[in-house]
PDB file of N, CA and C in Angstrom:
ATOM      1  N   MET A   1      41.758 144.664 100.531  1.00  0.00           N
ATOM      2  CA  MET A   1      40.903 143.421 100.804  1.00  0.00           C
ATOM      3  C   MET A   1      41.833 142.316 101.135  1.00  0.00           C
ATOM      4  N   PRO A   2      41.403 141.591 102.077  1.00  0.00           N
ATOM      5  CA  PRO A   2      42.223 140.444 102.457  1.00  0.00           C
ATOM      6  C   PRO A   2      41.921 139.362 101.481  1.00  0.00           C
ATOM      7  N   ILE A   3      42.784 138.299 101.434  1.00  0.00           N
ATOM      8  CA  ILE A   3      42.806 137.126 100.646  1.00  0.00           C
ATOM      9  C   ILE A   3      42.431 135.926 101.516  1.00  0.00           C
ATOM     10  N   TYR A   4      41.327 135.299 101.254  1.00  0.00           N
ATOM     11  CA  TYR A   4      40.938 134.120 102.092  1.00  0.00           C
ATOM     12  C   TYR A   4      41.135 132.836 101.130  1.00  0.00           C
ATOM     13  N   GLU A   5      41.486 131.796 101.854  1.00  0.00           N
ATOM     14  CA  GLU A   5      41.719 130.579 101.286  1.00  0.00           C
ATOM     15  C   GLU A   5      40.556 129.580 101.721  1.00  0.00           C
ATOM     16  N   TYR A   6      40.113 128.823 100.641  1.00  0.00           N
ATOM     17  CA  TYR A   6      38.943 127.878 101.026  1.00  0.00           C
ATOM     18  C   TYR A   6      39.427 126.646 100.328  1.00  0.00           C
ATOM     19  N   ILE A   7      38.820 125.500 101.043  1.00  0.00           N
ATOM     20  CA  ILE A   7      39.010 124.056 100.556  1.00  0.00           C
ATOM     21  C   ILE A   7      37.816 123.277 100.758  1.00  0.00           C
ATOM     22  N   SER A   8      37.609 122.363 100.069  1.00  0.00           N
ATOM     23  CA  SER A   8      36.403 121.418 100.157  1.00  0.00           C
ATOM     24  C   SER A   8      36.394 120.792 101.604  1.00  0.00           C
ATOM     25  N   GLU A   9      35.206 120.529 102.008  1.00  0.00           N
ATOM     26  CA  GLU A   9      35.189 119.789 103.377  1.00  0.00           C
ATOM     27  C   GLU A   9      35.390 118.340 103.012  1.00  0.00           C
ATOM     28  N   HIS A  10      35.426 117.886 101.835  1.00  0.00           N
ATOM     29  CA  HIS A  10      35.649 116.560 101.415  1.00  0.00           C
ATOM     30  C   HIS A  10      36.544 116.337 100.339  1.00  0.00           C
ATOM     31  N   PRO A  11      37.918 116.788 100.432  1.00  0.00           N
ATOM     32  CA  PRO A  11      38.829 116.879  99.291  1.00  0.00           C
ATOM     33  C   PRO A  11      39.219 115.416  98.796  1.00  0.00           C
ATOM     34  N   GLU A  12      38.919 114.367  99.522  1.00  0.00           N
ATOM     35  CA  GLU A  12      39.409 113.151  99.153  1.00  0.00           C
ATOM     36  C   GLU A  12      38.248 112.537  98.327  1.00  0.00           C
ATOM     37  N   ASP A  13      37.198 113.076  98.329  1.00  0.00           N
ATOM     38  CA  ASP A  13      35.935 112.382  97.703  1.00  0.00           C
ATOM     39  C   ASP A  13      35.582 113.224  96.403  1.00  0.00           C
ATOM     40  N   PRO A  14      36.009 112.804  95.191  1.00  0.00           N
ATOM     41  CA  PRO A  14      35.841 113.665  93.964  1.00  0.00           C
ATOM     42  C   PRO A  14      34.332 113.692  93.661  1.00  0.00           C
ATOM     43  N   ALA A  15      33.403 112.919  94.036  1.00  0.00           N
ATOM     44  CA  ALA A  15      32.097 113.101  93.895  1.00  0.00           C
ATOM     45  C   ALA A  15      31.511 114.224  94.609  1.00  0.00           C
ATOM     46  N   ARG A  16      32.140 114.566  95.702  1.00  0.00           N
ATOM     47  CA  ARG A  16      31.504 115.622  96.506  1.00  0.00           C
ATOM     48  C   ARG A  16      32.225 117.030  96.428  1.00  0.00           C
ATOM     49  N   SER A  17      33.320 117.223  95.412  1.00  0.00           N
ATOM     50  CA  SER A  17      33.925 118.410  95.274  1.00  0.00           C
ATOM     51  C   SER A  17      34.362 118.480  93.825  1.00  0.00           C
ATOM     52  N   CYS A  18      34.471 119.729  93.258  1.00  0.00           N
ATOM     53  CA  CYS A  18      34.978 119.916  91.943  1.00  0.00           C
ATOM     54  C   CYS A  18      36.500 120.025  91.974  1.00  0.00           C
ATOM     55  N   ARG A  19      37.216 120.228  90.882  1.00  0.00           N
ATOM     56  CA  ARG A  19      38.633 120.257  90.942  1.00  0.00           C
ATOM     57  C   ARG A  19      39.084 121.523  91.592  1.00  0.00           C
ATOM     58  N   MET A  20      38.339 122.616  91.421  1.00  0.00           N
ATOM     59  CA  MET A  20      38.707 123.882  92.098  1.00  0.00           C
ATOM     60  C   MET A  20      38.692 123.759  93.692  1.00  0.00           C
ATOM     61  N   CYS A  21      37.597 123.360  94.114  1.00  0.00           N
ATOM     62  CA  CYS A  21      37.547 123.382  95.734  1.00  0.00           C
ATOM     63  C   CYS A  21      38.257 122.149  96.204  1.00  0.00           C
ATOM     64  N   ARG A  22      38.467 121.083  95.536  1.00  0.00           N
ATOM     65  CA  ARG A  22      39.312 119.991  96.018  1.00  0.00           C
ATOM     66  C   ARG A  22      40.828 120.349  96.270  1.00  0.00           C
ATOM     67  N   ASN A  23      41.355 121.248  95.229  1.00  0.00           N
ATOM     68  CA  ASN A  23      42.684 121.533  95.461  1.00  0.00           C
ATOM     69  C   ASN A  23      42.782 122.908  96.368  1.00  0.00           C
ATOM     70  N   GLY A  24      41.632 123.434  96.540  1.00  0.00           N
ATOM     71  CA  GLY A  24      41.730 124.757  97.343  1.00  0.00           C
ATOM     72  C   GLY A  24      41.729 125.958  96.363  1.00  0.00           C
ATOM     73  N   PHE A  25      41.315 127.107  96.779  1.00  0.00           N
ATOM     74  CA  PHE A  25      41.340 128.324  95.993  1.00  0.00           C
ATOM     75  C   PHE A  25      41.298 129.682  96.903  1.00  0.00           C
ATOM     76  N   GLU A  26      41.810 130.569  96.291  1.00  0.00           N
ATOM     77  CA  GLU A  26      42.045 131.789  96.980  1.00  0.00           C
ATOM     78  C   GLU A  26      40.850 132.817  96.545  1.00  0.00           C
ATOM     79  N   LEU A  27      40.342 133.569  97.527  1.00  0.00           N
ATOM     80  CA  LEU A  27      39.366 134.708  96.998  1.00  0.00           C
ATOM     81  C   LEU A  27      39.590 135.915  97.736  1.00  0.00           C
ATOM     82  N   MET A  28      39.540 137.044  97.166  1.00  0.00           N
ATOM     83  CA  MET A  28      39.524 138.341  97.779  1.00  0.00           C
ATOM     84  C   MET A  28      38.110 138.753  98.172  1.00  0.00           C
ATOM     85  N   ARG A  29      37.869 138.976  99.377  1.00  0.00           N
ATOM     86  CA  ARG A  29      36.548 139.366  99.801  1.00  0.00           C
ATOM     87  C   ARG A  29      36.683 140.506 100.859  1.00  0.00           C
ATOM     88  N   PRO A  30      35.757 141.472 100.908  1.00  0.00           N
ATOM     89  CA  PRO A  30      35.670 142.530 101.978  1.00  0.00           C
ATOM     90  C   PRO A  30      35.581 141.879 103.295  1.00  0.00           C
ATOM     91  N   LEU A  31      36.086 142.625 104.390  1.00  0.00           N
ATOM     92  CA  LEU A  31      35.998 142.197 105.702  1.00  0.00           C
ATOM     93  C   LEU A  31      34.568 141.951 106.155  1.00  0.00           C
ATOM     94  N   ASP A  32      33.576 142.787 105.709  1.00  0.00           N
ATOM     95  CA  ASP A  32      32.344 142.775 106.201  1.00  0.00           C
ATOM     96  C   ASP A  32      31.406 141.734 105.646  1.00  0.00           C
ATOM     97  N   ARG A  33      31.786 140.933 104.636  1.00  0.00           N
ATOM     98  CA  ARG A  33      31.000 139.975 104.054  1.00  0.00           C
ATOM     99  C   ARG A  33      31.339 138.500 104.847  1.00  0.00           C
ATOM    100  N   GLU A  34      30.241 137.852 104.947  1.00  0.00           N
ATOM    101  CA  GLU A  34      30.364 136.383 105.584  1.00  0.00           C
ATOM    102  C   GLU A  34      31.287 135.554 104.746  1.00  0.00           C
ATOM    103  N   PRO A  35      31.861 134.638 105.514  1.00  0.00           N
ATOM    104  CA  PRO A  35      32.870 133.739 104.790  1.00  0.00           C
ATOM    105  C   PRO A  35      31.812 132.677 103.909  1.00  0.00           C
ATOM    106  N   LEU A  36      32.506 132.170 102.785  1.00  0.00           N
ATOM    107  CA  LEU A  36      31.856 131.285 102.014  1.00  0.00           C
ATOM    108  C   LEU A  36      31.529 129.867 102.628  1.00  0.00           C
ATOM    109  N   THR A  37      30.468 129.352 102.401  1.00  0.00           N
ATOM    110  CA  THR A  37      30.007 128.125 102.895  1.00  0.00           C
ATOM    111  C   THR A  37      29.923 127.199 101.797  1.00  0.00           C
ATOM    112  N   LYS A  38      29.765 127.622 100.479  1.00  0.00           N
ATOM    113  CA  LYS A  38      29.584 126.608  99.397  1.00  0.00           C
ATOM    114  C   LYS A  38      30.604 127.176  98.342  1.00  0.00           C
ATOM    115  N   CYS A  39      31.174 126.213  97.574  1.00  0.00           N
ATOM    116  CA  CYS A  39      31.901 126.404  96.335  1.00  0.00           C
ATOM    117  C   CYS A  39      31.213 127.243  95.418  1.00  0.00           C
ATOM    118  N   LEU A  40      31.807 128.154  94.692  1.00  0.00           N
ATOM    119  CA  LEU A  40      31.202 129.020  93.624  1.00  0.00           C
ATOM    120  C   LEU A  40      30.836 128.231  92.560  1.00  0.00           C
ATOM    121  N   TYR A  41      31.461 127.151  92.190  1.00  0.00           N
ATOM    122  CA  TYR A  41      31.285 126.340  90.939  1.00  0.00           C
ATOM    123  C   TYR A  41      30.223 125.230  91.192  1.00  0.00           C
ATOM    124  N   CYS A  42      30.692 124.307  92.143  1.00  0.00           N
ATOM    125  CA  CYS A  42      29.866 123.125  92.381  1.00  0.00           C
ATOM    126  C   CYS A  42      28.853 123.088  93.519  1.00  0.00           C
ATOM    127  N   LYS A  43      28.869 124.207  94.241  1.00  0.00           N
ATOM    128  CA  LYS A  43      27.828 124.338  95.394  1.00  0.00           C
ATOM    129  C   LYS A  43      27.886 123.263  96.504  1.00  0.00           C
ATOM    130  N   ASN A  44      29.031 122.616  96.610  1.00  0.00           N
ATOM    131  CA  ASN A  44      29.314 121.686  97.826  1.00  0.00           C
ATOM    132  C   ASN A  44      29.964 122.481  98.854  1.00  0.00           C
ATOM    133  N   PRO A  45      29.909 122.087  99.965  1.00  0.00           N
ATOM    134  CA  PRO A  45      30.430 122.824 101.245  1.00  0.00           C
ATOM    135  C   PRO A  45      31.921 122.846 101.231  1.00  0.00           C
ATOM    136  N   VAL A  46      32.217 124.111 101.535  1.00  0.00           N
ATOM    137  CA  VAL A  46      33.876 124.485 101.624  1.00  0.00           C
ATOM    138  C   VAL A  46      33.999 125.020 103.060  1.00  0.00           C
ATOM    139  N   ARG A  47      35.207 125.129 103.433  1.00  0.00           N
ATOM    140  CA  ARG A  47      35.645 125.700 104.804  1.00  0.00           C
ATOM    141  C   ARG A  47      36.837 126.516 104.497  1.00  0.00           C
ATOM    142  N   LYS A  48      36.966 127.518 105.409  1.00  0.00           N
ATOM    143  CA  LYS A  48      38.059 128.502 105.306  1.00  0.00           C
ATOM    144  C   LYS A  48      39.223 127.883 105.912  1.00  0.00           C
ATOM    145  N   LYS A  49      40.407 127.939 105.271  1.00  0.00           N
ATOM    146  CA  LYS A  49      41.693 127.414 105.661  1.00  0.00           C
ATOM    147  C   LYS A  49      42.576 128.434 106.102  1.00  0.00           C
ATOM    148  N   ILE A  50      43.455 128.070 107.012  1.00  0.00           N
ATOM    149  CA  ILE A  50      44.429 129.035 107.386  1.00  0.00           C
ATOM    150  C   ILE A  50      45.555 129.009 106.513  1.00  0.00           C
ATOM    151  N   GLY A  51      45.910 130.200 105.920  1.00  0.00           N
ATOM    152  CA  GLY A  51      46.988 130.248 104.884  1.00  0.00           C
ATOM    153  C   GLY A  51      48.184 130.735 105.618  1.00  0.00           C
ATOM    154  N   THR A  52      49.266 130.935 104.609  1.00  0.00           N
ATOM    155  CA  THR A  52      50.523 131.478 105.176  1.00  0.00           C
ATOM    156  C   THR A  52      50.396 133.026 105.432  1.00  0.00           C
ATOM    157  N   VAL A  53      51.240 133.383 106.317  1.00  0.00           N
ATOM    158  CA  VAL A  53      51.296 134.761 106.866  1.00  0.00           C
ATOM    159  C   VAL A  53      52.648 135.455 106.404  1.00  0.00           C
ATOM    160  N   ASN A  54      52.500 136.568 105.856  1.00  0.00           N
ATOM    161  CA  ASN A  54      53.712 137.209 105.435  1.00  0.00           C
ATOM    162  C   ASN A  54      54.101 138.214 106.443  1.00  0.00           C
ATOM    163  N   ILE A  55      55.218 137.767 106.967  1.00  0.00           N
ATOM    164  CA  ILE A  55      55.803 138.501 108.047  1.00  0.00           C
ATOM    165  C   ILE A  55      57.165 139.146 107.434  1.00  0.00           C
ATOM    166  N   PRO A  56      57.334 140.456 107.571  1.00  0.00           N
ATOM    167  CA  PRO A  56      58.488 141.068 107.114  1.00  0.00           C
ATOM    168  C   PRO A  56      59.714 140.801 107.946  1.00  0.00           C
ATOM    169  N   THR A  57      60.844 140.493 107.334  1.00  0.00           N
ATOM    170  CA  THR A  57      62.181 140.183 108.046  1.00  0.00           C
ATOM    171  C   THR A  57      62.737 141.352 108.299  1.00  0.00           C
ATOM    172  N   VAL A  58      63.383 141.531 109.601  1.00  0.00           N
ATOM    173  CA  VAL A  58      64.160 142.627 110.035  1.00  0.00           C
ATOM    174  C   VAL A  58      65.567 142.290 109.608  1.00  0.00           C
ATOM    175  N   THR A  59      66.119 143.259 108.982  1.00  0.00           N
ATOM    176  CA  THR A  59      67.576 143.116 108.462  1.00  0.00           C
ATOM    177  C   THR A  59      68.339 144.270 109.025  1.00  0.00           C
ATOM    178  N   ALA A  60      69.633 144.231 108.993  1.00  0.00           N
ATOM    179  CA  ALA A  60      70.513 145.224 109.469  1.00  0.00           C
ATOM    180  C   ALA A  60      70.560 146.353 108.456  1.00  0.00           C
ATOM    181  N   PRO A  61      70.648 147.573 108.830  1.00  0.00           N
ATOM    182  CA  PRO A  61      70.733 148.685 108.039  1.00  0.00           C
ATOM    183  C   PRO A  61      71.858 148.577 106.975  1.00  0.00           C
ATOM    184  N   LEU A  62      71.489 149.227 105.788  1.00  0.00           N
ATOM    185  CA  LEU A  62      72.553 149.011 104.681  1.00  0.00           C
ATOM    186  C   LEU A  62      73.815 149.800 104.960  1.00  0.00           C
ATOM    187  N   SER A  63      74.959 149.433 104.587  1.00  0.00           N
ATOM    188  CA  SER A  63      76.098 150.310 104.671  1.00  0.00           C
ATOM    189  C   SER A  63      76.039 151.397 103.772  1.00  0.00           C
ATOM    190  N   VAL A  64      76.918 152.420 103.805  1.00  0.00           N
ATOM    191  CA  VAL A  64      76.878 153.538 102.840  1.00  0.00           C
ATOM    192  C   VAL A  64      77.225 152.983 101.452  1.00  0.00           C
ATOM    193  N   SER A  65      78.166 152.023 101.312  1.00  0.00           N
ATOM    194  CA  SER A  65      78.524 151.529  99.944  1.00  0.00           C
ATOM    195  C   SER A  65      77.323 150.760  99.407  1.00  0.00           C
ATOM    196  N   ASP A  66      76.685 149.928 100.259  1.00  0.00           N
ATOM    197  CA  ASP A  66      75.556 149.175  99.773  1.00  0.00           C
ATOM    198  C   ASP A  66      74.401 150.103  99.222  1.00  0.00           C
ATOM    199  N   ALA A  67      74.169 151.144 100.010  1.00  0.00           N
ATOM    200  CA  ALA A  67      73.106 152.146  99.629  1.00  0.00           C
ATOM    201  C   ALA A  67      73.505 152.716  98.277  1.00  0.00           C
ATOM    202  N   LYS A  68      74.701 153.043  98.161  1.00  0.00           N
ATOM    203  CA  LYS A  68      75.155 153.859  96.808  1.00  0.00           C
ATOM    204  C   LYS A  68      75.018 152.854  95.676  1.00  0.00           C
ATOM    205  N   LYS A  69      75.402 151.499  95.937  1.00  0.00           N
ATOM    206  CA  LYS A  69      75.225 150.467  94.922  1.00  0.00           C
ATOM    207  C   LYS A  69      73.800 150.289  94.539  1.00  0.00           C
ATOM    208  N   ALA A  70      72.857 150.511  95.448  1.00  0.00           N
ATOM    209  CA  ALA A  70      71.420 150.385  95.229  1.00  0.00           C
ATOM    210  C   ALA A  70      70.841 151.573  94.534  1.00  0.00           C
ATOM    211  N   GLY A  71      71.560 152.528  94.390  1.00  0.00           N
ATOM    212  CA  GLY A  71      71.181 153.732  93.649  1.00  0.00           C
ATOM    213  C   GLY A  71      70.533 154.778  94.689  1.00  0.00           C
ATOM    214  N   PHE A  72      70.846 154.799  95.901  1.00  0.00           N
ATOM    215  CA  PHE A  72      70.340 155.799  96.885  1.00  0.00           C
ATOM    216  C   PHE A  72      71.440 156.846  96.950  1.00  0.00           C
ATOM    217  N   THR A  73      70.936 158.035  97.300  1.00  0.00           N
ATOM    218  CA  THR A  73      71.759 159.150  97.597  1.00  0.00           C
ATOM    219  C   THR A  73      72.072 159.182  99.169  1.00  0.00           C
ATOM    220  N   VAL A  74      73.147 159.117  99.612  1.00  0.00           N
ATOM    221  CA  VAL A  74      73.538 159.210 101.013  1.00  0.00           C
ATOM    222  C   VAL A  74      73.851 160.506 101.450  1.00  0.00           C
ATOM    223  N   MET A  75      73.164 160.894 102.567  1.00  0.00           N
ATOM    224  CA  MET A  75      73.364 162.239 102.979  1.00  0.00           C
ATOM    225  C   MET A  75      73.738 162.091 104.451  1.00  0.00           C
ATOM    226  N   GLU A  76      74.705 163.113 105.009  1.00  0.00           N
ATOM    227  CA  GLU A  76      75.079 162.985 106.339  1.00  0.00           C
ATOM    228  C   GLU A  76      74.743 164.370 106.892  1.00  0.00           C
ATOM    229  N   LYS A  77      74.230 164.529 108.148  1.00  0.00           N
ATOM    230  CA  LYS A  77      73.971 165.754 108.808  1.00  0.00           C
ATOM    231  C   LYS A  77      75.230 166.447 109.312  1.00  0.00           C
ATOM    232  N   ARG A  78      75.393 167.659 108.855  1.00  0.00           N
ATOM    233  CA  ARG A  78      76.703 168.330 109.299  1.00  0.00           C
ATOM    234  C   ARG A  78      76.305 169.391 110.304  1.00  0.00           C
ATOM    235  N   ASP A  79      75.271 170.038 110.327  1.00  0.00           N
ATOM    236  CA  ASP A  79      74.863 171.182 111.165  1.00  0.00           C
ATOM    237  C   ASP A  79      73.283 171.277 111.168  1.00  0.00           C
ATOM    238  N   LEU A  80      72.848 172.069 111.912  1.00  0.00           N
ATOM    239  CA  LEU A  80      71.254 172.315 112.003  1.00  0.00           C
ATOM    240  C   LEU A  80      70.737 172.512 110.739  1.00  0.00           C
ATOM    241  N   GLY A  81      70.138 171.685 110.031  1.00  0.00           N
ATOM    242  CA  GLY A  81      69.387 171.760 108.930  1.00  0.00           C
ATOM    243  C   GLY A  81      70.371 171.668 107.619  1.00  0.00           C
ATOM    244  N   VAL A  82      71.613 171.279 107.747  1.00  0.00           N
ATOM    245  CA  VAL A  82      72.607 171.228 106.754  1.00  0.00           C
ATOM    246  C   VAL A  82      73.063 169.925 106.605  1.00  0.00           C
ATOM    247  N   TYR A  83      72.895 169.383 105.331  1.00  0.00           N
ATOM    248  CA  TYR A  83      73.379 168.037 105.018  1.00  0.00           C
ATOM    249  C   TYR A  83      74.286 167.961 103.899  1.00  0.00           C
ATOM    250  N   GLU A  84      75.238 166.948 103.971  1.00  0.00           N
ATOM    251  CA  GLU A  84      76.304 166.909 102.902  1.00  0.00           C
ATOM    252  C   GLU A  84      76.131 165.575 102.269  1.00  0.00           C
ATOM    253  N   LYS A  85      76.282 165.588 101.000  1.00  0.00           N
ATOM    254  CA  LYS A  85      76.205 164.341 100.128  1.00  0.00           C
ATOM    255  C   LYS A  85      77.479 163.626 100.352  1.00  0.00           C
ATOM    256  N   LEU A  86      77.443 162.274 100.747  1.00  0.00           N
ATOM    257  CA  LEU A  86      78.712 161.549 100.804  1.00  0.00           C
ATOM    258  C   LEU A  86      79.178 160.969  99.519  1.00  0.00           C
TER     259      LEU A  86
END
């Protein structure tokens, strides 16, 4: 389920928003549900906000010594279907 972020349509006006929607909140909702239009607590209007995106970083492959230090077993192919532990 994706996480959606919502914030009050009037964050600067405390009379028109509660503490939760004034600061913004996150909510896990199924994709097939309509986005929220009202705060769950104070029932004032909220809007969906664009949040941060998690993009994986591409790094160089580990060296054999780095892989061994991390606890991996490093194998090297010697022949058809034959591997040798380094």
